Amino acid sequence: MPSRVLVVEDEEDIAVLVALLLRDRGMEVATAADGRAALAEVERAMPDLILLDMKMPVMDGPAFAQAFRARWGRAAPLVAFTAAEDADRRAAAIDADASLGKPFDLPQLVALVERFVKR
């Protein structure tokens, strides 16, 4: 069974690029444009990893992380996915398992995802 990654990103171009890249590596990928949609996606199927943008409309990354951890604890690792200069600090603030700054290079993204998911 392929690893399942949830990409929570409001910039459609980034979400599509990341999804295509991970699907090419045999992963199942779901996307959500905000935290509220991401919670609904988690309800449908728990991912093996969540790539979480910090700034989004409707429900931002920190609000999603708080709701996710309150309901499911550490059922899936969270990776803070942010353009902020202080990505590591933002990741620590939401108790994320890792962070990835934007812009990112594709090999860096793949290496980070593969660190957390089964192949």
Protein backbone atom coordinates (compact mmCIF):
# COMPACT_ATOMS: atom_id res chain seq x y z
CA MET A 1 0.00 0.00 0.00
CA PRO A 2 1.53 3.37 -0.98
CA SER A 3 2.33 6.01 1.59
CA ARG A 4 -0.30 8.73 1.85
CA VAL A 5 0.74 12.39 2.04
CA LEU A 6 -1.63 15.30 2.68
CA VAL A 7 -0.46 18.60 1.16
CA VAL A 8 -2.18 21.54 2.86
CA GLU A 9 -1.36 24.54 0.66
CA ASP A 10 -3.46 27.45 -0.57
CA GLU A 11 -1.21 28.26 -3.55
CA GLU A 12 -2.59 25.90 -6.19
CA ASP A 13 0.59 25.87 -8.31
CA ILE A 14 2.67 24.70 -5.34
CA ALA A 15 0.10 22.10 -4.29
CA VAL A 16 -0.09 20.68 -7.83
CA LEU A 17 3.71 20.60 -8.21
CA VAL A 18 4.25 18.83 -4.88
CA ALA A 19 1.43 16.36 -5.56
CA LEU A 20 2.79 15.48 -9.00
CA LEU A 21 6.31 15.06 -7.68
CA LEU A 22 5.23 12.74 -4.86
CA ARG A 23 2.84 10.75 -7.04
CA ASP A 24 5.73 10.17 -9.48
CA ARG A 25 7.50 8.54 -6.55
CA GLY A 26 4.62 6.15 -5.94
CA MET A 27 2.88 7.99 -3.11
CA GLU A 28 -0.82 8.64 -2.75
CA VAL A 29 -1.36 12.39 -2.38
CA ALA A 30 -4.38 14.38 -1.24
CA THR A 31 -4.48 18.17 -1.23
CA ALA A 32 -6.41 20.75 0.76
CA ALA A 33 -6.42 24.52 0.27
CA ASP A 34 -6.91 25.39 3.95
CA GLY A 35 -6.90 23.84 7.40
CA ARG A 36 -10.64 23.23 7.53
CA ALA A 37 -10.55 21.24 4.28
CA ALA A 38 -7.48 19.40 5.60
CA LEU A 39 -9.34 18.31 8.75
CA ALA A 40 -12.11 16.92 6.53
CA GLU A 41 -9.50 15.07 4.47
CA VAL A 42 -7.96 13.57 7.63
CA GLU A 43 -11.45 12.41 8.66
CA ARG A 44 -11.67 10.48 5.37
CA ALA A 45 -8.23 8.86 5.65
CA MET A 46 -5.34 9.44 8.04
CA PRO A 47 -2.22 10.38 6.07
CA ASP A 48 1.27 9.10 6.82
CA LEU A 49 2.57 12.68 6.62
CA ILE A 50 1.11 16.19 6.49
CA LEU A 51 2.91 19.02 4.66
CA LEU A 52 1.34 22.09 6.24
CA ASP A 53 1.48 25.64 4.93
CA MET A 54 1.43 28.17 7.77
CA LYS A 55 -0.47 31.07 6.17
CA MET A 56 -3.79 30.19 4.56
CA PRO A 57 -7.32 31.59 4.48
CA VAL A 58 -10.22 30.07 6.44
CA MET A 59 -8.00 28.10 8.88
CA ASP A 60 -4.24 28.68 8.98
CA GLY A 61 -1.51 26.16 9.75
CA PRO A 62 -1.23 26.82 13.50
CA ALA A 63 -5.02 26.49 13.96
CA PHE A 64 -5.02 23.25 11.95
CA ALA A 65 -2.09 21.87 13.97
CA GLN A 66 -3.85 22.66 17.24
CA ALA A 67 -7.10 21.01 16.11
CA PHE A 68 -5.26 18.00 14.65
CA ARG A 69 -3.14 17.40 17.76
CA ALA A 70 -6.16 17.84 20.06
CA ARG A 71 -8.12 15.19 18.17
CA TRP A 72 -5.51 12.77 16.82
CA GLY A 73 -2.36 13.51 18.81
CA ARG A 74 0.72 12.43 16.89
CA ALA A 75 -1.10 10.09 14.48
CA ALA A 76 0.78 11.67 11.56
CA PRO A 77 3.94 13.78 11.46
CA LEU A 78 3.49 17.46 10.62
CA VAL A 79 6.00 19.32 8.47
CA ALA A 80 5.67 23.11 8.59
CA PHE A 81 5.85 24.37 5.02
CA THR A 82 6.47 28.12 5.05
CA ALA A 83 8.00 31.07 3.23
CA ALA A 84 8.76 32.78 6.56
CA GLU A 85 12.43 33.31 7.33
CA ASP A 86 12.02 31.71 10.75
CA ALA A 87 10.63 28.37 9.51
CA ASP A 88 12.24 26.38 12.33
CA ARG A 89 10.76 28.65 15.01
CA ARG A 90 7.31 28.45 13.42
CA ALA A 91 7.61 24.66 13.25
CA ALA A 92 8.56 24.49 16.92
CA ALA A 93 5.60 26.73 17.84
CA ILE A 94 3.15 24.16 16.42
CA ASP A 95 5.11 21.13 17.65
CA ALA A 96 5.88 20.13 14.05
CA ASP A 97 8.21 17.23 13.37
CA ALA A 98 10.21 19.21 10.79
CA SER A 99 10.11 22.33 8.65
CA LEU A 100 10.69 23.11 5.00
CA GLY A 101 11.26 26.68 3.88
CA LYS A 102 9.89 28.10 0.65
CA PRO A 103 11.27 28.35 -1.89
CA PHE A 104 12.53 24.76 -1.71
CA ASP A 105 14.33 22.59 -4.17
CA LEU A 106 12.65 19.40 -5.31
CA PRO A 107 15.33 16.94 -4.11
CA GLN A 108 15.19 18.58 -0.66
CA LEU A 109 11.40 18.09 -0.55
CA VAL A 110 11.61 14.46 -1.65
CA ALA A 111 14.35 13.68 0.88
CA LEU A 112 12.32 15.22 3.70
CA VAL A 113 9.13 13.35 2.76
CA GLU A 114 10.98 10.06 2.38
CA ARG A 115 12.42 10.51 5.87
CA PHE A 116 8.91 10.22 7.26
CA VAL A 117 7.06 7.78 5.00
CA LYS A 118 7.44 4.10 4.32
CA ARG A 119 8.54 3.18 0.82
